[in-house]
Amino acid sequence: MSNTEAVTSTLMKLAMDGAALRHQAIAANIANATSAGYVPVRVDFEQRLQQARERLEAGETPASVAAESSASIESDAAANTAGAGTVDVQVAQLAQNVVHYQALLKGWSKRMSILSAAINEGKR
């Protein structure tokens, strides 16, 4: 696998994992919206993805970058005061995240189709 191929695979995997984790965090926020004392959570994988991209461009191996770049769920105490913890806002964020994940999945599917076509044409 070429370096470009490995980098692309790593970044796409990180993006899809981050979107899936964000979905879990938003679902938890919606489920606990009426729970007293609940602190909303968030996932900020865009920052980690950018850091992973910079590390890959600096020459680190995709395996080492992927091992240290996974997103995580963090508490978001500011969401309560800023209104970002309301159910309406969370539902809108959930819908946006679904579209984002679907776009990533479609891109991955097209990428796999291209690789499959290249492999199958090489057999002729």
PDB file of N, CA and C in Angstrom:
ATOM      1  N   MET A   1       0.850  -1.168   0.000  1.00  0.00           N
ATOM      2  CA  MET A   1       0.000   0.000   0.000  1.00  0.00           C
ATOM      3  C   MET A   1       0.901   1.238   0.000  1.00  0.00           C
ATOM      4  N   SER A   2       0.605   2.171  -0.876  1.00  0.00           N
ATOM      5  CA  SER A   2       1.415   3.382  -0.952  1.00  0.00           C
ATOM      6  C   SER A   2       1.182   4.261   0.270  1.00  0.00           C
ATOM      7  N   ASN A   3       2.089   5.193   0.486  1.00  0.00           N
ATOM      8  CA  ASN A   3       1.964   6.090   1.633  1.00  0.00           C
ATOM      9  C   ASN A   3       0.692   6.932   1.535  1.00  0.00           C
ATOM     10  N   THR A   4       0.380   7.423   0.325  1.00  0.00           N
ATOM     11  CA  THR A   4      -0.834   8.218   0.133  1.00  0.00           C
ATOM     12  C   THR A   4      -2.074   7.389   0.453  1.00  0.00           C
ATOM     13  N   GLU A   5      -2.064   6.154   0.024  1.00  0.00           N
ATOM     14  CA  GLU A   5      -3.197   5.259   0.294  1.00  0.00           C
ATOM     15  C   GLU A   5      -3.356   5.033   1.794  1.00  0.00           C
ATOM     16  N   ALA A   6      -2.250   4.828   2.492  1.00  0.00           N
ATOM     17  CA  ALA A   6      -2.297   4.597   3.928  1.00  0.00           C
ATOM     18  C   ALA A   6      -2.791   5.839   4.672  1.00  0.00           C
ATOM     19  N   VAL A   7      -2.342   7.009   4.253  1.00  0.00           N
ATOM     20  CA  VAL A   7      -2.764   8.258   4.885  1.00  0.00           C
ATOM     21  C   VAL A   7      -4.257   8.472   4.674  1.00  0.00           C
ATOM     22  N   THR A   8      -4.718   8.261   3.451  1.00  0.00           N
ATOM     23  CA  THR A   8      -6.138   8.433   3.143  1.00  0.00           C
ATOM     24  C   THR A   8      -6.985   7.472   3.974  1.00  0.00           C
ATOM     25  N   SER A   9      -6.573   6.228   4.036  1.00  0.00           N
ATOM     26  CA  SER A   9      -7.312   5.241   4.825  1.00  0.00           C
ATOM     27  C   SER A   9      -7.360   5.627   6.291  1.00  0.00           C
ATOM     28  N   THR A  10      -6.228   6.071   6.820  1.00  0.00           N
ATOM     29  CA  THR A  10      -6.166   6.447   8.228  1.00  0.00           C
ATOM     30  C   THR A  10      -7.064   7.639   8.528  1.00  0.00           C
ATOM     31  N   LEU A  11      -7.000   8.668   7.703  1.00  0.00           N
ATOM     32  CA  LEU A  11      -7.816   9.857   7.940  1.00  0.00           C
ATOM     33  C   LEU A  11      -9.301   9.566   7.798  1.00  0.00           C
ATOM     34  N   MET A  12      -9.671   8.758   6.817  1.00  0.00           N
ATOM     35  CA  MET A  12     -11.095   8.426   6.650  1.00  0.00           C
ATOM     36  C   MET A  12     -11.594   7.607   7.831  1.00  0.00           C
ATOM     37  N   LYS A  13     -10.776   6.673   8.304  1.00  0.00           N
ATOM     38  CA  LYS A  13     -11.175   5.867   9.453  1.00  0.00           C
ATOM     39  C   LYS A  13     -11.351   6.753  10.687  1.00  0.00           C
ATOM     40  N   LEU A  14     -10.404   7.649  10.916  1.00  0.00           N
ATOM     41  CA  LEU A  14     -10.506   8.547  12.063  1.00  0.00           C
ATOM     42  C   LEU A  14     -11.757   9.422  11.978  1.00  0.00           C
ATOM     43  N   ALA A  15     -12.061   9.915  10.790  1.00  0.00           N
ATOM     44  CA  ALA A  15     -13.237  10.767  10.608  1.00  0.00           C
ATOM     45  C   ALA A  15     -14.526   9.993  10.869  1.00  0.00           C
ATOM     46  N   MET A  16     -14.608   8.772  10.362  1.00  0.00           N
ATOM     47  CA  MET A  16     -15.819   7.975  10.594  1.00  0.00           C
ATOM     48  C   MET A  16     -15.949   7.569  12.057  1.00  0.00           C
ATOM     49  N   ASP A  17     -14.835   7.212  12.690  1.00  0.00           N
ATOM     50  CA  ASP A  17     -14.875   6.877  14.116  1.00  0.00           C
ATOM     51  C   ASP A  17     -15.306   8.087  14.948  1.00  0.00           C
ATOM     52  N   GLY A  18     -14.794   9.252  14.594  1.00  0.00           N
ATOM     53  CA  GLY A  18     -15.163  10.475  15.310  1.00  0.00           C
ATOM     54  C   GLY A  18     -16.625  10.805  15.154  1.00  0.00           C
ATOM     55  N   ALA A  19     -17.155  10.640  13.947  1.00  0.00           N
ATOM     56  CA  ALA A  19     -18.576  10.915  13.702  1.00  0.00           C
ATOM     57  C   ALA A  19     -19.460   9.927  14.471  1.00  0.00           C
ATOM     58  N   ALA A  20     -19.042   8.671  14.531  1.00  0.00           N
ATOM     59  CA  ALA A  20     -19.810   7.676  15.288  1.00  0.00           C
ATOM     60  C   ALA A  20     -19.790   7.999  16.780  1.00  0.00           C
ATOM     61  N   LEU A  21     -18.638   8.414  17.273  1.00  0.00           N
ATOM     62  CA  LEU A  21     -18.528   8.780  18.679  1.00  0.00           C
ATOM     63  C   LEU A  21     -19.344  10.031  18.985  1.00  0.00           C
ATOM     64  N   ARG A  22     -19.332  10.992  18.069  1.00  0.00           N
ATOM     65  CA  ARG A  22     -20.136  12.203  18.258  1.00  0.00           C
ATOM     66  C   ARG A  22     -21.620  11.843  18.315  1.00  0.00           C
ATOM     67  N   HIS A  23     -22.044  10.885  17.501  1.00  0.00           N
ATOM     68  CA  HIS A  23     -23.436  10.445  17.510  1.00  0.00           C
ATOM     69  C   HIS A  23     -23.805   9.909  18.898  1.00  0.00           C
ATOM     70  N   GLN A  24     -22.922   9.118  19.493  1.00  0.00           N
ATOM     71  CA  GLN A  24     -23.171   8.581  20.831  1.00  0.00           C
ATOM     72  C   GLN A  24     -23.270   9.695  21.865  1.00  0.00           C
ATOM     73  N   ALA A  25     -22.382  10.677  21.761  1.00  0.00           N
ATOM     74  CA  ALA A  25     -22.387  11.788  22.723  1.00  0.00           C
ATOM     75  C   ALA A  25     -23.676  12.600  22.611  1.00  0.00           C
ATOM     76  N   ILE A  26     -24.091  12.906  21.389  1.00  0.00           N
ATOM     77  CA  ILE A  26     -25.312  13.692  21.201  1.00  0.00           C
ATOM     78  C   ILE A  26     -26.532  12.908  21.680  1.00  0.00           C
ATOM     79  N   ALA A  27     -26.548  11.605  21.391  1.00  0.00           N
ATOM     80  CA  ALA A  27     -27.662  10.766  21.851  1.00  0.00           C
ATOM     81  C   ALA A  27     -27.731  10.762  23.378  1.00  0.00           C
ATOM     82  N   ALA A  28     -26.577  10.714  24.046  1.00  0.00           N
ATOM     83  CA  ALA A  28     -26.556  10.759  25.509  1.00  0.00           C
ATOM     84  C   ALA A  28     -27.077  12.101  26.007  1.00  0.00           C
ATOM     85  N   ASN A  29     -26.722  13.179  25.325  1.00  0.00           N
ATOM     86  CA  ASN A  29     -27.203  14.507  25.731  1.00  0.00           C
ATOM     87  C   ASN A  29     -28.717  14.603  25.601  1.00  0.00           C
ATOM     88  N   ILE A  30     -29.255  14.058  24.521  1.00  0.00           N
ATOM     89  CA  ILE A  30     -30.706  14.090  24.322  1.00  0.00           C
ATOM     90  C   ILE A  30     -31.408  13.226  25.371  1.00  0.00           C
ATOM     91  N   ALA A  31     -30.868  12.035  25.610  1.00  0.00           N
ATOM     92  CA  ALA A  31     -31.490  11.116  26.565  1.00  0.00           C
ATOM     93  C   ALA A  31     -31.483  11.672  27.983  1.00  0.00           C
ATOM     94  N   ASN A  32     -30.478  12.462  28.316  1.00  0.00           N
ATOM     95  CA  ASN A  32     -30.340  12.979  29.684  1.00  0.00           C
ATOM     96  C   ASN A  32     -30.693  14.453  29.812  1.00  0.00           C
ATOM     97  N   ALA A  33     -31.348  15.007  28.819  1.00  0.00           N
ATOM     98  CA  ALA A  33     -31.644  16.439  28.807  1.00  0.00           C
ATOM     99  C   ALA A  33     -32.450  16.883  30.023  1.00  0.00           C
ATOM    100  N   THR A  34     -33.291  16.021  30.542  1.00  0.00           N
ATOM    101  CA  THR A  34     -34.121  16.398  31.689  1.00  0.00           C
ATOM    102  C   THR A  34     -33.558  15.883  33.014  1.00  0.00           C
ATOM    103  N   SER A  35     -32.411  15.254  32.986  1.00  0.00           N
ATOM    104  CA  SER A  35     -31.796  14.735  34.216  1.00  0.00           C
ATOM    105  C   SER A  35     -31.151  15.874  34.992  1.00  0.00           C
ATOM    106  N   ALA A  36     -31.492  15.970  36.240  1.00  0.00           N
ATOM    107  CA  ALA A  36     -30.920  17.031  37.087  1.00  0.00           C
ATOM    108  C   ALA A  36     -29.418  16.821  37.255  1.00  0.00           C
ATOM    109  N   GLY A  37     -28.660  17.866  37.061  1.00  0.00           N
ATOM    110  CA  GLY A  37     -27.222  17.813  37.258  1.00  0.00           C
ATOM    111  C   GLY A  37     -26.428  17.208  36.114  1.00  0.00           C
ATOM    112  N   TYR A  38     -27.096  16.818  35.053  1.00  0.00           N
ATOM    113  CA  TYR A  38     -26.366  16.209  33.925  1.00  0.00           C
ATOM    114  C   TYR A  38     -25.554  17.287  33.207  1.00  0.00           C
ATOM    115  N   VAL A  39     -24.315  16.981  32.939  1.00  0.00           N
ATOM    116  CA  VAL A  39     -23.441  17.881  32.192  1.00  0.00           C
ATOM    117  C   VAL A  39     -23.328  17.324  30.775  1.00  0.00           C
ATOM    118  N   PRO A  40     -23.758  18.086  29.760  1.00  0.00           N
ATOM    119  CA  PRO A  40     -23.663  17.607  28.375  1.00  0.00           C
ATOM    120  C   PRO A  40     -22.230  17.253  28.004  1.00  0.00           C
ATOM    121  N   VAL A  41     -22.086  16.350  27.052  1.00  0.00           N
ATOM    122  CA  VAL A  41     -20.772  15.936  26.569  1.00  0.00           C
ATOM    123  C   VAL A  41     -20.644  16.298  25.097  1.00  0.00           C
ATOM    124  N   ARG A  42     -19.413  16.317  24.626  1.00  0.00           N
ATOM    125  CA  ARG A  42     -19.173  16.634  23.220  1.00  0.00           C
ATOM    126  C   ARG A  42     -17.960  15.870  22.735  1.00  0.00           C
ATOM    127  N   VAL A  43     -17.817  15.811  21.426  1.00  0.00           N
ATOM    128  CA  VAL A  43     -16.654  15.210  20.778  1.00  0.00           C
ATOM    129  C   VAL A  43     -16.111  16.233  19.794  1.00  0.00           C
ATOM    130  N   ASP A  44     -14.866  16.591  19.950  1.00  0.00           N
ATOM    131  CA  ASP A  44     -14.240  17.537  19.037  1.00  0.00           C
ATOM    132  C   ASP A  44     -13.143  16.811  18.264  1.00  0.00           C
ATOM    133  N   PHE A  45     -13.565  15.982  17.299  1.00  0.00           N
ATOM    134  CA  PHE A  45     -12.562  15.209  16.577  1.00  0.00           C
ATOM    135  C   PHE A  45     -11.920  15.992  15.437  1.00  0.00           C
ATOM    136  N   GLU A  46     -12.493  17.125  15.043  1.00  0.00           N
ATOM    137  CA  GLU A  46     -11.891  17.910  13.971  1.00  0.00           C
ATOM    138  C   GLU A  46     -10.485  18.374  14.351  1.00  0.00           C
ATOM    139  N   GLN A  47     -10.321  18.797  15.604  1.00  0.00           N
ATOM    140  CA  GLN A  47      -9.012  19.236  16.067  1.00  0.00           C
ATOM    141  C   GLN A  47      -8.027  18.067  16.063  1.00  0.00           C
ATOM    142  N   ARG A  48      -8.459  16.923  16.544  1.00  0.00           N
ATOM    143  CA  ARG A  48      -7.580  15.744  16.553  1.00  0.00           C
ATOM    144  C   ARG A  48      -7.275  15.278  15.137  1.00  0.00           C
ATOM    145  N   LEU A  49      -8.247  15.387  14.252  1.00  0.00           N
ATOM    146  CA  LEU A  49      -8.028  14.992  12.868  1.00  0.00           C
ATOM    147  C   LEU A  49      -6.997  15.908  12.210  1.00  0.00           C
ATOM    148  N   GLN A  50      -7.078  17.199  12.488  1.00  0.00           N
ATOM    149  CA  GLN A  50      -6.100  18.148  11.970  1.00  0.00           C
ATOM    150  C   GLN A  50      -4.701  17.835  12.498  1.00  0.00           C
ATOM    151  N   GLN A  51      -4.606  17.516  13.781  1.00  0.00           N
ATOM    152  CA  GLN A  51      -3.318  17.154  14.364  1.00  0.00           C
ATOM    153  C   GLN A  51      -2.769  15.883  13.719  1.00  0.00           C
ATOM    154  N   ALA A  52      -3.653  14.908  13.474  1.00  0.00           N
ATOM    155  CA  ALA A  52      -3.220  13.667  12.828  1.00  0.00           C
ATOM    156  C   ALA A  52      -2.715  13.946  11.417  1.00  0.00           C
ATOM    157  N   ARG A  53      -3.409  14.797  10.714  1.00  0.00           N
ATOM    158  CA  ARG A  53      -3.002  15.158   9.351  1.00  0.00           C
ATOM    159  C   ARG A  53      -1.614  15.802   9.352  1.00  0.00           C
ATOM    160  N   GLU A  54      -1.392  16.713  10.278  1.00  0.00           N
ATOM    161  CA  GLU A  54      -0.092  17.377  10.369  1.00  0.00           C
ATOM    162  C   GLU A  54       1.016  16.386  10.700  1.00  0.00           C
ATOM    163  N   ARG A  55       0.726  15.445  11.583  1.00  0.00           N
ATOM    164  CA  ARG A  55       1.724  14.435  11.937  1.00  0.00           C
ATOM    165  C   ARG A  55       2.032  13.528  10.763  1.00  0.00           C
ATOM    166  N   LEU A  56       1.005  13.169   9.998  1.00  0.00           N
ATOM    167  CA  LEU A  56       1.233  12.337   8.815  1.00  0.00           C
ATOM    168  C   LEU A  56       2.066  13.073   7.779  1.00  0.00           C
ATOM    169  N   GLU A  57       1.779  14.356   7.591  1.00  0.00           N
ATOM    170  CA  GLU A  57       2.546  15.148   6.641  1.00  0.00           C
ATOM    171  C   GLU A  57       3.989  15.317   7.086  1.00  0.00           C
ATOM    172  N   ALA A  58       4.223  15.250   8.405  1.00  0.00           N
ATOM    173  CA  ALA A  58       5.574  15.362   8.942  1.00  0.00           C
ATOM    174  C   ALA A  58       6.352  14.052   8.811  1.00  0.00           C
ATOM    175  N   GLY A  59       5.686  13.001   8.358  1.00  0.00           N
ATOM    176  CA  GLY A  59       6.383  11.747   8.099  1.00  0.00           C
ATOM    177  C   GLY A  59       6.139  10.630   9.086  1.00  0.00           C
ATOM    178  N   GLU A  60       5.279  10.836  10.071  1.00  0.00           N
ATOM    179  CA  GLU A  60       4.986   9.754  11.009  1.00  0.00           C
ATOM    180  C   GLU A  60       4.206   8.656  10.287  1.00  0.00           C
ATOM    181  N   THR A  61       4.292   7.446  10.792  1.00  0.00           N
ATOM    182  CA  THR A  61       3.588   6.329  10.159  1.00  0.00           C
ATOM    183  C   THR A  61       2.099   6.392  10.473  1.00  0.00           C
ATOM    184  N   PRO A  62       1.272   5.978   9.523  1.00  0.00           N
ATOM    185  CA  PRO A  62      -0.178   5.979   9.771  1.00  0.00           C
ATOM    186  C   PRO A  62      -0.580   5.170  10.994  1.00  0.00           C
ATOM    187  N   ALA A  63       0.097   4.067  11.262  1.00  0.00           N
ATOM    188  CA  ALA A  63      -0.254   3.227  12.405  1.00  0.00           C
ATOM    189  C   ALA A  63      -0.036   3.971  13.726  1.00  0.00           C
ATOM    190  N   SER A  64       1.083   4.686  13.842  1.00  0.00           N
ATOM    191  CA  SER A  64       1.346   5.400  15.095  1.00  0.00           C
ATOM    192  C   SER A  64       0.392   6.574  15.272  1.00  0.00           C
ATOM    193  N   VAL A  65       0.051   7.235  14.169  1.00  0.00           N
ATOM    194  CA  VAL A  65      -0.870   8.362  14.244  1.00  0.00           C
ATOM    195  C   VAL A  65      -2.264   7.877  14.622  1.00  0.00           C
ATOM    196  N   ALA A  66      -2.728   6.806  14.018  1.00  0.00           N
ATOM    197  CA  ALA A  66      -4.060   6.282  14.298  1.00  0.00           C
ATOM    198  C   ALA A  66      -4.188   5.829  15.745  1.00  0.00           C
ATOM    199  N   ALA A  67      -3.129   5.259  16.289  1.00  0.00           N
ATOM    200  CA  ALA A  67      -3.166   4.771  17.666  1.00  0.00           C
ATOM    201  C   ALA A  67      -3.335   5.893  18.671  1.00  0.00           C
ATOM    202  N   GLU A  68      -2.846   7.088  18.351  1.00  0.00           N
ATOM    203  CA  GLU A  68      -2.874   8.191  19.305  1.00  0.00           C
ATOM    204  C   GLU A  68      -3.884   9.280  18.955  1.00  0.00           C
ATOM    205  N   SER A  69      -4.627   9.135  17.867  1.00  0.00           N
ATOM    206  CA  SER A  69      -5.477  10.224  17.391  1.00  0.00           C
ATOM    207  C   SER A  69      -6.967   9.979  17.533  1.00  0.00           C
ATOM    208  N   SER A  70      -7.346   8.930  18.218  1.00  0.00           N
ATOM    209  CA  SER A  70      -8.775   8.662  18.315  1.00  0.00           C
ATOM    210  C   SER A  70      -9.471   9.740  19.153  1.00  0.00           C
ATOM    211  N   ALA A  71     -10.682  10.058  18.760  1.00  0.00           N
ATOM    212  CA  ALA A  71     -11.467  11.083  19.461  1.00  0.00           C
ATOM    213  C   ALA A  71     -11.996  10.501  20.766  1.00  0.00           C
ATOM    214  N   SER A  72     -12.374  11.380  21.667  1.00  0.00           N
ATOM    215  CA  SER A  72     -12.934  10.937  22.934  1.00  0.00           C
ATOM    216  C   SER A  72     -14.081  11.865  23.334  1.00  0.00           C
ATOM    217  N   ILE A  73     -14.928  11.347  24.204  1.00  0.00           N
ATOM    218  CA  ILE A  73     -16.055  12.130  24.703  1.00  0.00           C
ATOM    219  C   ILE A  73     -15.574  12.950  25.890  1.00  0.00           C
ATOM    220  N   GLU A  74     -15.874  14.260  25.866  1.00  0.00           N
ATOM    221  CA  GLU A  74     -15.457  15.170  26.928  1.00  0.00           C
ATOM    222  C   GLU A  74     -16.688  15.889  27.469  1.00  0.00           C
ATOM    223  N   SER A  75     -16.637  16.275  28.729  1.00  0.00           N
ATOM    224  CA  SER A  75     -17.755  17.044  29.267  1.00  0.00           C
ATOM    225  C   SER A  75     -17.735  18.446  28.668  1.00  0.00           C
ATOM    226  N   ASP A  76     -18.916  19.024  28.538  1.00  0.00           N
ATOM    227  CA  ASP A  76     -19.059  20.345  27.920  1.00  0.00           C
ATOM    228  C   ASP A  76     -19.911  21.217  28.838  1.00  0.00           C
ATOM    229  N   ALA A  77     -19.335  21.612  29.957  1.00  0.00           N
ATOM    230  CA  ALA A  77     -20.074  22.403  30.947  1.00  0.00           C
ATOM    231  C   ALA A  77     -20.561  23.718  30.365  1.00  0.00           C
ATOM    232  N   ALA A  78     -19.862  24.273  29.399  1.00  0.00           N
ATOM    233  CA  ALA A  78     -20.262  25.543  28.793  1.00  0.00           C
ATOM    234  C   ALA A  78     -21.557  25.406  27.997  1.00  0.00           C
ATOM    235  N   ALA A  79     -21.914  24.199  27.613  1.00  0.00           N
ATOM    236  CA  ALA A  79     -23.129  23.993  26.819  1.00  0.00           C
ATOM    237  C   ALA A  79     -24.373  24.392  27.588  1.00  0.00           C
ATOM    238  N   ASN A  80     -24.386  24.157  28.879  1.00  0.00           N
ATOM    239  CA  ASN A  80     -25.558  24.525  29.689  1.00  0.00           C
ATOM    240  C   ASN A  80     -25.785  26.023  29.720  1.00  0.00           C
ATOM    241  N   THR A  81     -24.720  26.784  29.847  1.00  0.00           N
ATOM    242  CA  THR A  81     -24.866  28.231  29.947  1.00  0.00           C
ATOM    243  C   THR A  81     -25.061  28.880  28.588  1.00  0.00           C
ATOM    244  N   ALA A  82     -24.538  28.282  27.541  1.00  0.00           N
ATOM    245  CA  ALA A  82     -24.633  28.878  26.213  1.00  0.00           C
ATOM    246  C   ALA A  82     -25.879  28.443  25.459  1.00  0.00           C
ATOM    247  N   GLY A  83     -26.682  27.564  26.034  1.00  0.00           N
ATOM    248  CA  GLY A  83     -27.887  27.093  25.363  1.00  0.00           C
ATOM    249  C   GLY A  83     -27.632  25.961  24.385  1.00  0.00           C
ATOM    250  N   ALA A  84     -26.375  25.519  24.292  1.00  0.00           N
ATOM    251  CA  ALA A  84     -26.039  24.445  23.361  1.00  0.00           C
ATOM    252  C   ALA A  84     -26.507  23.083  23.857  1.00  0.00           C
ATOM    253  N   GLY A  85     -26.931  23.023  25.118  1.00  0.00           N
ATOM    254  CA  GLY A  85     -27.372  21.762  25.670  1.00  0.00           C
ATOM    255  C   GLY A  85     -28.860  21.510  25.500  1.00  0.00           C
ATOM    256  N   THR A  86     -29.595  22.431  24.880  1.00  0.00           N
ATOM    257  CA  THR A  86     -31.035  22.241  24.713  1.00  0.00           C
ATOM    258  C   THR A  86     -31.312  21.108  23.745  1.00  0.00           C
ATOM    259  N   VAL A  87     -32.459  20.491  23.916  1.00  0.00           N
ATOM    260  CA  VAL A  87     -32.815  19.351  23.079  1.00  0.00           C
ATOM    261  C   VAL A  87     -32.897  19.747  21.610  1.00  0.00           C
ATOM    262  N   ASP A  88     -33.470  20.902  21.317  1.00  0.00           N
ATOM    263  CA  ASP A  88     -33.585  21.341  19.920  1.00  0.00           C
ATOM    264  C   ASP A  88     -32.215  21.470  19.262  1.00  0.00           C
ATOM    265  N   VAL A  89     -31.285  22.054  19.972  1.00  0.00           N
ATOM    266  CA  VAL A  89     -29.928  22.216  19.431  1.00  0.00           C
ATOM    267  C   VAL A  89     -29.273  20.854  19.249  1.00  0.00           C
ATOM    268  N   GLN A  90     -29.458  19.978  20.216  1.00  0.00           N
ATOM    269  CA  GLN A  90     -28.866  18.636  20.132  1.00  0.00           C
ATOM    270  C   GLN A  90     -29.455  17.833  18.964  1.00  0.00           C
ATOM    271  N   VAL A  91     -30.760  17.945  18.756  1.00  0.00           N
ATOM    272  CA  VAL A  91     -31.395  17.234  17.636  1.00  0.00           C
ATOM    273  C   VAL A  91     -30.866  17.769  16.304  1.00  0.00           C
ATOM    274  N   ALA A  92     -30.684  19.074  16.211  1.00  0.00           N
ATOM    275  CA  ALA A  92     -30.115  19.663  14.989  1.00  0.00           C
ATOM    276  C   ALA A  92     -28.690  19.179  14.777  1.00  0.00           C
ATOM    277  N   GLN A  93     -27.903  19.106  15.856  1.00  0.00           N
ATOM    278  CA  GLN A  93     -26.533  18.602  15.739  1.00  0.00           C
ATOM    279  C   GLN A  93     -26.519  17.132  15.347  1.00  0.00           C
ATOM    280  N   LEU A  94     -27.476  16.373  15.849  1.00  0.00           N
ATOM    281  CA  LEU A  94     -27.576  14.966  15.492  1.00  0.00           C
ATOM    282  C   LEU A  94     -27.870  14.810  14.004  1.00  0.00           C
ATOM    283  N   ALA A  95     -28.800  15.597  13.490  1.00  0.00           N
ATOM    284  CA  ALA A  95     -29.129  15.538  12.066  1.00  0.00           C
ATOM    285  C   ALA A  95     -27.915  15.918  11.218  1.00  0.00           C
ATOM    286  N   GLN A  96     -27.196  16.945  11.633  1.00  0.00           N
ATOM    287  CA  GLN A  96     -25.996  17.362  10.908  1.00  0.00           C
ATOM    288  C   GLN A  96     -24.941  16.256  10.931  1.00  0.00           C
ATOM    289  N   ASN A  97     -24.789  15.610  12.069  1.00  0.00           N
ATOM    290  CA  ASN A  97     -23.808  14.536  12.184  1.00  0.00           C
ATOM    291  C   ASN A  97     -24.180  13.338  11.319  1.00  0.00           C
ATOM    292  N   VAL A  98     -25.467  13.039  11.218  1.00  0.00           N
ATOM    293  CA  VAL A  98     -25.918  11.933  10.362  1.00  0.00           C
ATOM    294  C   VAL A  98     -25.542  12.213   8.907  1.00  0.00           C
ATOM    295  N   VAL A  99     -25.792  13.425   8.444  1.00  0.00           N
ATOM    296  CA  VAL A  99     -25.448  13.791   7.067  1.00  0.00           C
ATOM    297  C   VAL A  99     -23.935  13.710   6.869  1.00  0.00           C
ATOM    298  N   HIS A 100     -23.179  14.176   7.845  1.00  0.00           N
ATOM    299  CA  HIS A 100     -21.716  14.126   7.776  1.00  0.00           C
ATOM    300  C   HIS A 100     -21.232  12.680   7.661  1.00  0.00           C
ATOM    301  N   TYR A 101     -21.770  11.800   8.503  1.00  0.00           N
ATOM    302  CA  TYR A 101     -21.367  10.389   8.476  1.00  0.00           C
ATOM    303  C   TYR A 101     -21.744   9.735   7.152  1.00  0.00           C
ATOM    304  N   GLN A 102     -22.931  10.044   6.655  1.00  0.00           N
ATOM    305  CA  GLN A 102     -23.361   9.479   5.373  1.00  0.00           C
ATOM    306  C   GLN A 102     -22.436   9.918   4.241  1.00  0.00           C
ATOM    307  N   ALA A 103     -21.997  11.168   4.263  1.00  0.00           N
ATOM    308  CA  ALA A 103     -21.068  11.659   3.243  1.00  0.00           C
ATOM    309  C   ALA A 103     -19.733  10.930   3.332  1.00  0.00           C
ATOM    310  N   LEU A 104     -19.243  10.732   4.544  1.00  0.00           N
ATOM    311  CA  LEU A 104     -17.996   9.982   4.722  1.00  0.00           C
ATOM    312  C   LEU A 104     -18.145   8.548   4.217  1.00  0.00           C
ATOM    313  N   LEU A 105     -19.261   7.934   4.534  1.00  0.00           N
ATOM    314  CA  LEU A 105     -19.511   6.559   4.109  1.00  0.00           C
ATOM    315  C   LEU A 105     -19.610   6.458   2.595  1.00  0.00           C
ATOM    316  N   LYS A 106     -20.261   7.421   1.965  1.00  0.00           N
ATOM    317  CA  LYS A 106     -20.367   7.430   0.517  1.00  0.00           C
ATOM    318  C   LYS A 106     -18.983   7.601  -0.123  1.00  0.00           C
ATOM    319  N   GLY A 107     -18.164   8.485   0.438  1.00  0.00           N
ATOM    320  CA  GLY A 107     -16.801   8.664  -0.056  1.00  0.00           C
ATOM    321  C   GLY A 107     -15.986   7.397   0.078  1.00  0.00           C
ATOM    322  N   TRP A 108     -16.123   6.720   1.215  1.00  0.00           N
ATOM    323  CA  TRP A 108     -15.404   5.461   1.428  1.00  0.00           C
ATOM    324  C   TRP A 108     -15.854   4.404   0.423  1.00  0.00           C
ATOM    325  N   SER A 109     -17.153   4.335   0.196  1.00  0.00           N
ATOM    326  CA  SER A 109     -17.696   3.363  -0.758  1.00  0.00           C
ATOM    327  C   SER A 109     -17.169   3.620  -2.167  1.00  0.00           C
ATOM    328  N   LYS A 110     -17.138   4.873  -2.586  1.00  0.00           N
ATOM    329  CA  LYS A 110     -16.612   5.206  -3.917  1.00  0.00           C
ATOM    330  C   LYS A 110     -15.136   4.862  -4.015  1.00  0.00           C
ATOM    331  N   ARG A 111     -14.416   5.126  -2.959  1.00  0.00           N
ATOM    332  CA  ARG A 111     -12.987   4.818  -2.929  1.00  0.00           C
ATOM    333  C   ARG A 111     -12.757   3.317  -3.067  1.00  0.00           C
ATOM    334  N   MET A 112     -13.550   2.529  -2.358  1.00  0.00           N
ATOM    335  CA  MET A 112     -13.428   1.071  -2.453  1.00  0.00           C
ATOM    336  C   MET A 112     -13.819   0.573  -3.846  1.00  0.00           C
ATOM    337  N   SER A 113     -14.797   1.218  -4.468  1.00  0.00           N
ATOM    338  CA  SER A 113     -15.204   0.847  -5.824  1.00  0.00           C
ATOM    339  C   SER A 113     -14.066   1.091  -6.810  1.00  0.00           C
ATOM    340  N   ILE A 114     -13.374   2.206  -6.644  1.00  0.00           N
ATOM    341  CA  ILE A 114     -12.244   2.521  -7.522  1.00  0.00           C
ATOM    342  C   ILE A 114     -11.131   1.486  -7.339  1.00  0.00           C
ATOM    343  N   LEU A 115     -10.829   1.146  -6.096  1.00  0.00           N
ATOM    344  CA  LEU A 115      -9.790   0.141  -5.840  1.00  0.00           C
ATOM    345  C   LEU A 115     -10.201  -1.220  -6.389  1.00  0.00           C
ATOM    346  N   SER A 116     -11.457  -1.566  -6.228  1.00  0.00           N
ATOM    347  CA  SER A 116     -11.963  -2.829  -6.748  1.00  0.00           C
ATOM    348  C   SER A 116     -11.868  -2.891  -8.269  1.00  0.00           C
ATOM    349  N   ALA A 117     -12.225  -1.799  -8.915  1.00  0.00           N
ATOM    350  CA  ALA A 117     -12.132  -1.755 -10.369  1.00  0.00           C
ATOM    351  C   ALA A 117     -10.695  -1.882 -10.824  1.00  0.00           C
ATOM    352  N   ALA A 118      -9.784  -1.237 -10.134  1.00  0.00           N
ATOM    353  CA  ALA A 118      -8.371  -1.324 -10.492  1.00  0.00           C
ATOM    354  C   ALA A 118      -7.842  -2.758 -10.329  1.00  0.00           C
ATOM    355  N   ILE A 119      -8.259  -3.410  -9.246  1.00  0.00           N
ATOM    356  CA  ILE A 119      -7.825  -4.786  -9.021  1.00  0.00           C
ATOM    357  C   ILE A 119      -8.412  -5.714 -10.061  1.00  0.00           C
ATOM    358  N   ASN A 120      -9.702  -5.586 -10.334  1.00  0.00           N
ATOM    359  CA  ASN A 120     -10.359  -6.478 -11.290  1.00  0.00           C
ATOM    360  C   ASN A 120      -9.877  -6.254 -12.705  1.00  0.00           C
ATOM    361  N   GLU A 121      -9.596  -5.012 -13.099  1.00  0.00           N
ATOM    362  CA  GLU A 121      -9.080  -4.749 -14.439  1.00  0.00           C
ATOM    363  C   GLU A 121      -7.668  -5.305 -14.590  1.00  0.00           C
ATOM    364  N   GLY A 122      -6.944  -5.355 -13.490  1.00  0.00           N
ATOM    365  CA  GLY A 122      -5.591  -5.890 -13.539  1.00  0.00           C
ATOM    366  C   GLY A 122      -5.564  -7.389 -13.763  1.00  0.00           C
ATOM    367  N   LYS A 123      -6.671  -8.073 -13.529  1.00  0.00           N
ATOM    368  CA  LYS A 123      -6.745  -9.521 -13.713  1.00  0.00           C
ATOM    369  C   LYS A 123      -6.944  -9.901 -15.177  1.00  0.00           C
ATOM    370  N   ARG A 124      -7.366  -8.950 -15.996  1.00  0.00           N
ATOM    371  CA  ARG A 124      -7.667  -9.279 -17.395  1.00  0.00           C
ATOM    372  C   ARG A 124      -6.442  -9.511 -18.204  1.00  0.00           C
TER     373      ARG A 124
END
